[in-house]
């Protein structure tokens, strides 16, 4: 009986470890790449505003960046909902909310609020990556 229990536990662990690190869907991968590119564009726009000081400050780059991020986090939300991963769902919703705040701050031309929203969004992305992203043997990222 004890050998059977150990065998069952070992088999269960093996199955879980196989499933633990998996490739996300192509749509999810594209969404995350797009979100990263959009965040880099937003950071560059924020740096440009910071460097320009008083004067003509261009908040237009945030419009394209936030549109891309909205679509990306909608894809992420659907992915985590399908997987039934509660914290992934929560983090995707939080990210979408923060993108809305970033968009509103840019429309209001409120640099301080832009920075606050971007910082909070970076923390949200980091929290999700820490909890759910793993580097695969081939150098790409998977979901843990």
N, C-alpha and C. Protein backbone atom coordinates (compact mmCIF):
# COMPACT_ATOMS: atom_id res chain seq x y z
N UNK A 1 0.82 -1.19 0.00
CA UNK A 1 0.00 0.00 0.00
C UNK A 1 0.86 1.26 0.00
N UNK A 2 1.94 1.22 0.79
CA UNK A 2 2.81 2.38 0.89
C UNK A 2 3.50 2.65 -0.44
N UNK A 3 3.92 1.58 -1.13
CA UNK A 3 4.57 1.75 -2.44
C UNK A 3 3.61 2.35 -3.46
N UNK A 4 2.37 1.93 -3.40
CA UNK A 4 1.36 2.46 -4.32
C UNK A 4 1.16 3.95 -4.06
N UNK A 5 1.09 4.35 -2.79
CA UNK A 5 0.91 5.76 -2.44
C UNK A 5 2.08 6.59 -2.92
N UNK A 6 3.28 6.08 -2.72
CA UNK A 6 4.47 6.79 -3.17
C UNK A 6 4.48 6.90 -4.68
N UNK A 7 4.12 5.84 -5.36
CA UNK A 7 4.07 5.86 -6.82
C UNK A 7 3.05 6.87 -7.33
N UNK A 8 1.89 6.91 -6.69
CA UNK A 8 0.84 7.85 -7.09
C UNK A 8 1.31 9.29 -6.86
N UNK A 9 1.92 9.55 -5.72
CA UNK A 9 2.44 10.88 -5.44
C UNK A 9 3.54 11.28 -6.44
N UNK A 10 4.43 10.36 -6.74
CA UNK A 10 5.50 10.64 -7.70
C UNK A 10 4.92 10.92 -9.08
N UNK A 11 3.95 10.15 -9.50
CA UNK A 11 3.31 10.37 -10.80
C UNK A 11 2.62 11.71 -10.84
N UNK A 12 1.92 12.06 -9.75
CA UNK A 12 1.25 13.36 -9.68
C UNK A 12 2.24 14.50 -9.75
N UNK A 13 3.34 14.40 -9.04
CA UNK A 13 4.38 15.43 -9.08
C UNK A 13 4.96 15.56 -10.48
N UNK A 14 5.20 14.43 -11.15
CA UNK A 14 5.74 14.44 -12.50
C UNK A 14 4.79 15.14 -13.47
N UNK A 15 3.51 14.84 -13.37
CA UNK A 15 2.52 15.48 -14.25
C UNK A 15 2.46 16.97 -13.97
N UNK A 16 2.46 17.38 -12.70
CA UNK A 16 2.45 18.80 -12.37
C UNK A 16 3.70 19.51 -12.86
N UNK A 17 4.85 18.86 -12.75
CA UNK A 17 6.08 19.51 -13.19
C UNK A 17 6.12 19.65 -14.71
N UNK A 18 5.51 18.73 -15.42
CA UNK A 18 5.45 18.85 -16.87
C UNK A 18 4.56 20.03 -17.27
N UNK A 19 3.49 20.21 -16.55
CA UNK A 19 2.54 21.26 -16.85
C UNK A 19 2.96 22.61 -16.28
N UNK A 20 3.87 22.62 -15.34
CA UNK A 20 4.22 23.83 -14.62
C UNK A 20 4.83 24.90 -15.51
N UNK A 21 5.69 24.54 -16.40
CA UNK A 21 6.33 25.52 -17.28
C UNK A 21 5.88 25.24 -18.71
N UNK A 22 5.01 26.08 -19.20
CA UNK A 22 4.46 25.86 -20.53
C UNK A 22 4.55 27.13 -21.36
N UNK A 23 4.55 26.95 -22.65
CA UNK A 23 4.55 28.09 -23.56
C UNK A 23 3.16 28.71 -23.56
N UNK A 24 3.08 30.02 -23.45
CA UNK A 24 1.77 30.67 -23.58
C UNK A 24 1.34 30.68 -25.05
N UNK A 25 0.10 31.00 -25.28
CA UNK A 25 -0.40 31.07 -26.66
C UNK A 25 0.35 32.15 -27.44
N UNK A 26 0.32 32.03 -28.75
CA UNK A 26 0.97 33.05 -29.58
C UNK A 26 0.31 34.41 -29.37
N UNK A 27 -1.00 34.43 -29.21
CA UNK A 27 -1.70 35.69 -28.99
C UNK A 27 -1.23 36.35 -27.69
N UNK A 28 -1.05 35.55 -26.65
CA UNK A 28 -0.57 36.08 -25.38
C UNK A 28 0.86 36.59 -25.52
N UNK A 29 1.71 35.82 -26.19
CA UNK A 29 3.09 36.25 -26.40
C UNK A 29 3.14 37.58 -27.16
N UNK A 30 2.34 37.69 -28.22
CA UNK A 30 2.31 38.93 -29.00
C UNK A 30 1.82 40.09 -28.14
N UNK A 31 0.77 39.84 -27.35
CA UNK A 31 0.23 40.88 -26.49
C UNK A 31 1.28 41.38 -25.51
N UNK A 32 2.05 40.47 -24.93
CA UNK A 32 3.07 40.88 -23.96
C UNK A 32 4.22 41.64 -24.64
N UNK A 33 4.60 41.20 -25.83
CA UNK A 33 5.63 41.94 -26.58
C UNK A 33 5.13 43.33 -26.93
N UNK A 34 3.89 43.41 -27.40
CA UNK A 34 3.31 44.71 -27.75
C UNK A 34 3.22 45.63 -26.53
N UNK A 35 2.79 45.07 -25.40
CA UNK A 35 2.70 45.86 -24.17
C UNK A 35 4.07 46.38 -23.76
N UNK A 36 5.08 45.53 -23.85
CA UNK A 36 6.44 45.96 -23.51
C UNK A 36 6.93 47.07 -24.43
N UNK A 37 6.67 46.92 -25.72
CA UNK A 37 7.07 47.98 -26.67
C UNK A 37 6.33 49.28 -26.36
N UNK A 38 5.05 49.18 -26.05
CA UNK A 38 4.26 50.38 -25.74
C UNK A 38 4.75 51.04 -24.45
N UNK A 39 5.11 50.23 -23.47
CA UNK A 39 5.63 50.80 -22.22
C UNK A 39 6.97 51.50 -22.46
N UNK A 40 7.80 50.91 -23.30
CA UNK A 40 9.07 51.58 -23.63
C UNK A 40 8.82 52.90 -24.35
N UNK A 41 7.85 52.93 -25.25
CA UNK A 41 7.50 54.17 -25.95
C UNK A 41 6.98 55.22 -24.97
N UNK A 42 6.16 54.78 -24.01
CA UNK A 42 5.65 55.71 -23.00
C UNK A 42 6.78 56.25 -22.13
N UNK A 43 7.72 55.39 -21.76
CA UNK A 43 8.87 55.85 -20.97
C UNK A 43 9.70 56.87 -21.75
N UNK A 44 9.90 56.61 -23.04
CA UNK A 44 10.65 57.54 -23.88
C UNK A 44 9.92 58.88 -23.98
N UNK A 45 8.60 58.83 -24.11
CA UNK A 45 7.82 60.07 -24.19
C UNK A 45 7.91 60.84 -22.87
N UNK A 46 7.85 60.12 -21.76
CA UNK A 46 7.97 60.77 -20.45
C UNK A 46 9.35 61.39 -20.28
N UNK A 47 10.36 60.70 -20.73
CA UNK A 47 11.73 61.25 -20.66
C UNK A 47 11.85 62.50 -21.51
N UNK A 48 11.23 62.48 -22.68
CA UNK A 48 11.24 63.65 -23.57
C UNK A 48 10.57 64.84 -22.90
N UNK A 49 9.46 64.60 -22.23
CA UNK A 49 8.77 65.68 -21.52
C UNK A 49 9.65 66.22 -20.40
N UNK A 50 10.26 65.30 -19.66
CA UNK A 50 11.15 65.71 -18.55
C UNK A 50 12.31 66.55 -19.07
N UNK A 51 12.89 66.13 -20.18
CA UNK A 51 14.05 66.84 -20.73
C UNK A 51 13.68 68.17 -21.37
N UNK A 52 12.42 68.33 -21.80
CA UNK A 52 12.03 69.56 -22.50
C UNK A 52 11.78 70.72 -21.55
N UNK A 53 11.56 70.41 -20.28
CA UNK A 53 11.28 71.47 -19.31
C UNK A 53 10.00 72.19 -19.68
N UNK A 54 9.94 73.47 -19.42
CA UNK A 54 8.76 74.26 -19.78
C UNK A 54 8.74 74.42 -21.29
N UNK A 55 7.56 74.41 -21.83
CA UNK A 55 7.45 74.60 -23.27
C UNK A 55 6.54 73.57 -23.89
N UNK A 56 6.72 73.37 -25.17
CA UNK A 56 5.84 72.45 -25.91
C UNK A 56 6.15 71.02 -25.50
N UNK A 57 5.22 70.41 -24.81
CA UNK A 57 5.39 69.04 -24.37
C UNK A 57 4.43 68.15 -25.14
N UNK A 58 4.94 67.07 -25.67
CA UNK A 58 4.17 66.20 -26.54
C UNK A 58 3.63 65.01 -25.76
N UNK A 59 2.33 65.01 -25.53
CA UNK A 59 1.67 63.90 -24.85
C UNK A 59 1.03 62.92 -25.82
N UNK A 60 1.13 63.19 -27.13
CA UNK A 60 0.52 62.34 -28.15
C UNK A 60 1.06 60.90 -28.15
N UNK A 61 2.34 60.68 -27.90
CA UNK A 61 2.82 59.29 -27.91
C UNK A 61 2.10 58.39 -26.91
N UNK A 62 1.56 58.98 -25.85
CA UNK A 62 0.84 58.18 -24.86
C UNK A 62 -0.46 57.63 -25.43
N UNK A 63 -1.05 58.35 -26.39
CA UNK A 63 -2.31 57.89 -26.99
C UNK A 63 -2.12 56.55 -27.68
N UNK A 64 -1.11 56.45 -28.52
CA UNK A 64 -0.83 55.18 -29.21
C UNK A 64 -0.40 54.09 -28.21
N UNK A 65 0.43 54.47 -27.26
CA UNK A 65 0.93 53.50 -26.29
C UNK A 65 -0.20 52.92 -25.46
N UNK A 66 -1.10 53.77 -24.99
CA UNK A 66 -2.19 53.28 -24.15
C UNK A 66 -3.19 52.45 -24.96
N UNK A 67 -3.41 52.80 -26.22
CA UNK A 67 -4.30 52.00 -27.07
C UNK A 67 -3.74 50.58 -27.22
N UNK A 68 -2.44 50.49 -27.45
CA UNK A 68 -1.79 49.18 -27.58
C UNK A 68 -1.87 48.41 -26.27
N UNK A 69 -1.59 49.09 -25.16
CA UNK A 69 -1.61 48.41 -23.87
C UNK A 69 -3.01 47.93 -23.50
N UNK A 70 -4.04 48.72 -23.84
CA UNK A 70 -5.42 48.28 -23.56
C UNK A 70 -5.71 46.95 -24.24
N UNK A 71 -5.36 46.87 -25.51
CA UNK A 71 -5.58 45.63 -26.26
C UNK A 71 -4.76 44.49 -25.68
N UNK A 72 -3.53 44.77 -25.32
CA UNK A 72 -2.64 43.74 -24.78
C UNK A 72 -3.15 43.18 -23.46
N UNK A 73 -3.59 44.07 -22.58
CA UNK A 73 -4.05 43.60 -21.28
C UNK A 73 -5.44 42.95 -21.36
N UNK A 74 -6.22 43.29 -22.38
CA UNK A 74 -7.48 42.56 -22.62
C UNK A 74 -7.17 41.12 -23.01
N UNK A 75 -6.15 40.93 -23.84
CA UNK A 75 -5.72 39.59 -24.21
C UNK A 75 -5.19 38.84 -22.99
N UNK A 76 -4.40 39.52 -22.18
CA UNK A 76 -3.87 38.90 -20.95
C UNK A 76 -5.00 38.50 -20.01
N UNK A 77 -5.98 39.36 -19.87
CA UNK A 77 -7.11 39.06 -18.99
C UNK A 77 -7.85 37.81 -19.48
N UNK A 78 -8.11 37.74 -20.77
CA UNK A 78 -8.79 36.57 -21.32
C UNK A 78 -7.97 35.30 -21.10
N UNK A 79 -6.66 35.41 -21.27
CA UNK A 79 -5.76 34.26 -21.07
C UNK A 79 -5.87 33.74 -19.64
N UNK A 80 -5.75 34.64 -18.65
CA UNK A 80 -5.77 34.22 -17.26
C UNK A 80 -7.16 33.76 -16.83
N UNK A 81 -8.21 34.35 -17.40
CA UNK A 81 -9.56 33.88 -17.10
C UNK A 81 -9.75 32.45 -17.61
N UNK A 82 -9.26 32.19 -18.81
CA UNK A 82 -9.37 30.84 -19.37
C UNK A 82 -8.62 29.83 -18.52
N UNK A 83 -7.45 30.23 -18.02
CA UNK A 83 -6.64 29.35 -17.17
C UNK A 83 -7.19 29.23 -15.75
N UNK A 84 -8.12 30.13 -15.40
CA UNK A 84 -8.70 30.17 -14.06
C UNK A 84 -7.62 30.42 -12.99
N UNK A 85 -6.78 31.42 -13.28
CA UNK A 85 -5.71 31.81 -12.36
C UNK A 85 -6.11 33.17 -11.77
N UNK A 86 -6.61 33.14 -10.54
CA UNK A 86 -7.20 34.33 -9.94
C UNK A 86 -6.25 35.52 -9.84
N UNK A 87 -5.01 35.29 -9.40
CA UNK A 87 -4.11 36.43 -9.28
C UNK A 87 -3.70 36.97 -10.65
N UNK A 88 -3.62 36.11 -11.64
CA UNK A 88 -3.35 36.57 -13.00
C UNK A 88 -4.48 37.46 -13.52
N UNK A 89 -5.71 37.04 -13.24
CA UNK A 89 -6.89 37.84 -13.61
C UNK A 89 -6.83 39.19 -12.91
N UNK A 90 -6.56 39.17 -11.60
CA UNK A 90 -6.51 40.41 -10.83
C UNK A 90 -5.42 41.35 -11.36
N UNK A 91 -4.25 40.80 -11.64
CA UNK A 91 -3.15 41.64 -12.12
C UNK A 91 -3.43 42.20 -13.50
N UNK A 92 -4.06 41.42 -14.38
CA UNK A 92 -4.42 41.93 -15.70
C UNK A 92 -5.46 43.04 -15.59
N UNK A 93 -6.42 42.87 -14.69
CA UNK A 93 -7.42 43.93 -14.46
C UNK A 93 -6.77 45.18 -13.89
N UNK A 94 -5.86 44.99 -12.94
CA UNK A 94 -5.14 46.14 -12.37
C UNK A 94 -4.35 46.87 -13.44
N UNK A 95 -3.69 46.12 -14.31
CA UNK A 95 -2.90 46.73 -15.38
C UNK A 95 -3.81 47.54 -16.31
N UNK A 96 -4.95 46.97 -16.67
CA UNK A 96 -5.88 47.69 -17.54
C UNK A 96 -6.37 48.98 -16.88
N UNK A 97 -6.65 48.91 -15.59
CA UNK A 97 -7.09 50.10 -14.85
C UNK A 97 -5.99 51.17 -14.86
N UNK A 98 -4.77 50.75 -14.65
CA UNK A 98 -3.65 51.70 -14.63
C UNK A 98 -3.40 52.31 -16.01
N UNK A 99 -3.62 51.54 -17.05
CA UNK A 99 -3.51 52.09 -18.41
C UNK A 99 -4.55 53.19 -18.61
N UNK A 100 -5.76 52.96 -18.09
CA UNK A 100 -6.79 54.01 -18.14
C UNK A 100 -6.37 55.26 -17.40
N UNK A 101 -5.74 55.08 -16.25
CA UNK A 101 -5.24 56.23 -15.48
C UNK A 101 -4.13 56.95 -16.23
N UNK A 102 -3.26 56.19 -16.87
CA UNK A 102 -2.18 56.78 -17.67
C UNK A 102 -2.77 57.58 -18.83
N UNK A 103 -3.75 57.01 -19.49
CA UNK A 103 -4.39 57.69 -20.61
C UNK A 103 -5.04 59.01 -20.15
N UNK A 104 -5.76 58.97 -19.04
CA UNK A 104 -6.41 60.17 -18.51
C UNK A 104 -5.39 61.23 -18.11
N UNK A 105 -4.31 60.79 -17.48
CA UNK A 105 -3.27 61.74 -17.06
C UNK A 105 -2.61 62.40 -18.27
N UNK A 106 -2.40 61.63 -19.32
CA UNK A 106 -1.79 62.20 -20.53
C UNK A 106 -2.75 63.19 -21.20
N UNK A 107 -4.03 62.86 -21.23
CA UNK A 107 -5.02 63.78 -21.81
C UNK A 107 -5.08 65.07 -21.02
N UNK A 108 -4.92 64.97 -19.69
CA UNK A 108 -4.92 66.15 -18.82
C UNK A 108 -3.57 66.86 -18.82
N UNK A 109 -2.60 66.26 -19.49
CA UNK A 109 -1.24 66.80 -19.54
C UNK A 109 -0.67 66.97 -18.11
N UNK A 110 -0.94 65.98 -17.28
CA UNK A 110 -0.51 65.99 -15.89
C UNK A 110 0.69 65.05 -15.76
N UNK A 111 1.86 65.63 -15.86
CA UNK A 111 3.10 64.84 -15.88
C UNK A 111 3.27 64.01 -14.62
N UNK A 112 2.96 64.58 -13.46
CA UNK A 112 3.12 63.85 -12.20
C UNK A 112 2.23 62.59 -12.19
N UNK A 113 0.98 62.74 -12.64
CA UNK A 113 0.07 61.60 -12.69
C UNK A 113 0.51 60.58 -13.74
N UNK A 114 1.07 61.06 -14.84
CA UNK A 114 1.62 60.14 -15.86
C UNK A 114 2.69 59.27 -15.22
N UNK A 115 3.60 59.89 -14.51
CA UNK A 115 4.69 59.13 -13.87
C UNK A 115 4.15 58.17 -12.82
N UNK A 116 3.17 58.62 -12.03
CA UNK A 116 2.59 57.74 -11.00
C UNK A 116 1.93 56.52 -11.63
N UNK A 117 1.16 56.73 -12.70
CA UNK A 117 0.49 55.61 -13.37
C UNK A 117 1.51 54.66 -14.00
N UNK A 118 2.55 55.21 -14.61
CA UNK A 118 3.57 54.37 -15.23
C UNK A 118 4.32 53.55 -14.19
N UNK A 119 4.63 54.16 -13.06
CA UNK A 119 5.33 53.46 -11.98
C UNK A 119 4.47 52.33 -11.43
N UNK A 120 3.20 52.61 -11.19
CA UNK A 120 2.30 51.58 -10.68
C UNK A 120 2.13 50.46 -11.71
N UNK A 121 2.06 50.82 -12.99
CA UNK A 121 1.94 49.81 -14.03
C UNK A 121 3.18 48.93 -14.08
N UNK A 122 4.35 49.53 -13.97
CA UNK A 122 5.59 48.75 -13.94
C UNK A 122 5.59 47.76 -12.77
N UNK A 123 5.12 48.19 -11.61
CA UNK A 123 5.05 47.30 -10.44
C UNK A 123 4.07 46.15 -10.67
N UNK A 124 2.96 46.46 -11.31
CA UNK A 124 1.96 45.42 -11.59
C UNK A 124 2.52 44.38 -12.56
N UNK A 125 3.19 44.86 -13.61
CA UNK A 125 3.79 43.94 -14.58
C UNK A 125 4.86 43.07 -13.91
N UNK A 126 5.68 43.69 -13.08
CA UNK A 126 6.72 42.95 -12.37
C UNK A 126 6.12 41.90 -11.46
N UNK A 127 5.04 42.23 -10.77
CA UNK A 127 4.40 41.26 -9.88
C UNK A 127 3.90 40.05 -10.67
N UNK A 128 3.32 40.29 -11.83
CA UNK A 128 2.82 39.17 -12.65
C UNK A 128 3.99 38.35 -13.20
N UNK A 129 5.02 39.02 -13.68
CA UNK A 129 6.17 38.29 -14.21
C UNK A 129 6.83 37.45 -13.13
N UNK A 130 6.95 38.00 -11.93
CA UNK A 130 7.56 37.26 -10.83
C UNK A 130 6.73 36.03 -10.48
N UNK A 131 5.43 36.18 -10.47
CA UNK A 131 4.56 35.08 -10.08
C UNK A 131 4.39 34.03 -11.18
N UNK A 132 4.44 34.45 -12.44
CA UNK A 132 4.00 33.54 -13.50
C UNK A 132 4.96 33.34 -14.67
N UNK A 133 6.05 34.04 -14.73
CA UNK A 133 6.94 33.92 -15.89
C UNK A 133 8.20 33.17 -15.50
N UNK A 134 8.65 32.31 -16.40
CA UNK A 134 9.86 31.53 -16.18
C UNK A 134 10.63 31.48 -17.49
N UNK A 135 11.95 31.52 -17.39
CA UNK A 135 12.77 31.39 -18.59
C UNK A 135 12.88 29.92 -18.94
N UNK A 136 12.56 29.61 -20.18
CA UNK A 136 12.60 28.23 -20.66
C UNK A 136 14.03 27.88 -21.07
N UNK A 137 14.29 26.60 -21.29
CA UNK A 137 15.64 26.15 -21.68
C UNK A 137 16.09 26.76 -23.00
N UNK A 138 15.13 27.07 -23.88
CA UNK A 138 15.50 27.64 -25.19
C UNK A 138 15.72 29.15 -25.13
N UNK A 139 15.62 29.74 -23.93
CA UNK A 139 15.87 31.18 -23.75
C UNK A 139 14.61 32.03 -23.86
N UNK A 140 13.50 31.44 -24.27
CA UNK A 140 12.25 32.18 -24.32
C UNK A 140 11.58 32.12 -22.96
N UNK A 141 10.45 32.80 -22.84
CA UNK A 141 9.72 32.78 -21.58
C UNK A 141 8.51 31.89 -21.67
N UNK A 142 8.21 31.26 -20.57
CA UNK A 142 7.04 30.43 -20.45
C UNK A 142 6.24 30.84 -19.24
N UNK A 143 5.17 30.13 -19.01
CA UNK A 143 4.29 30.39 -17.88
C UNK A 143 4.51 29.30 -16.86
N UNK A 144 4.69 29.72 -15.60
CA UNK A 144 4.84 28.72 -14.54
C UNK A 144 3.58 28.65 -13.72
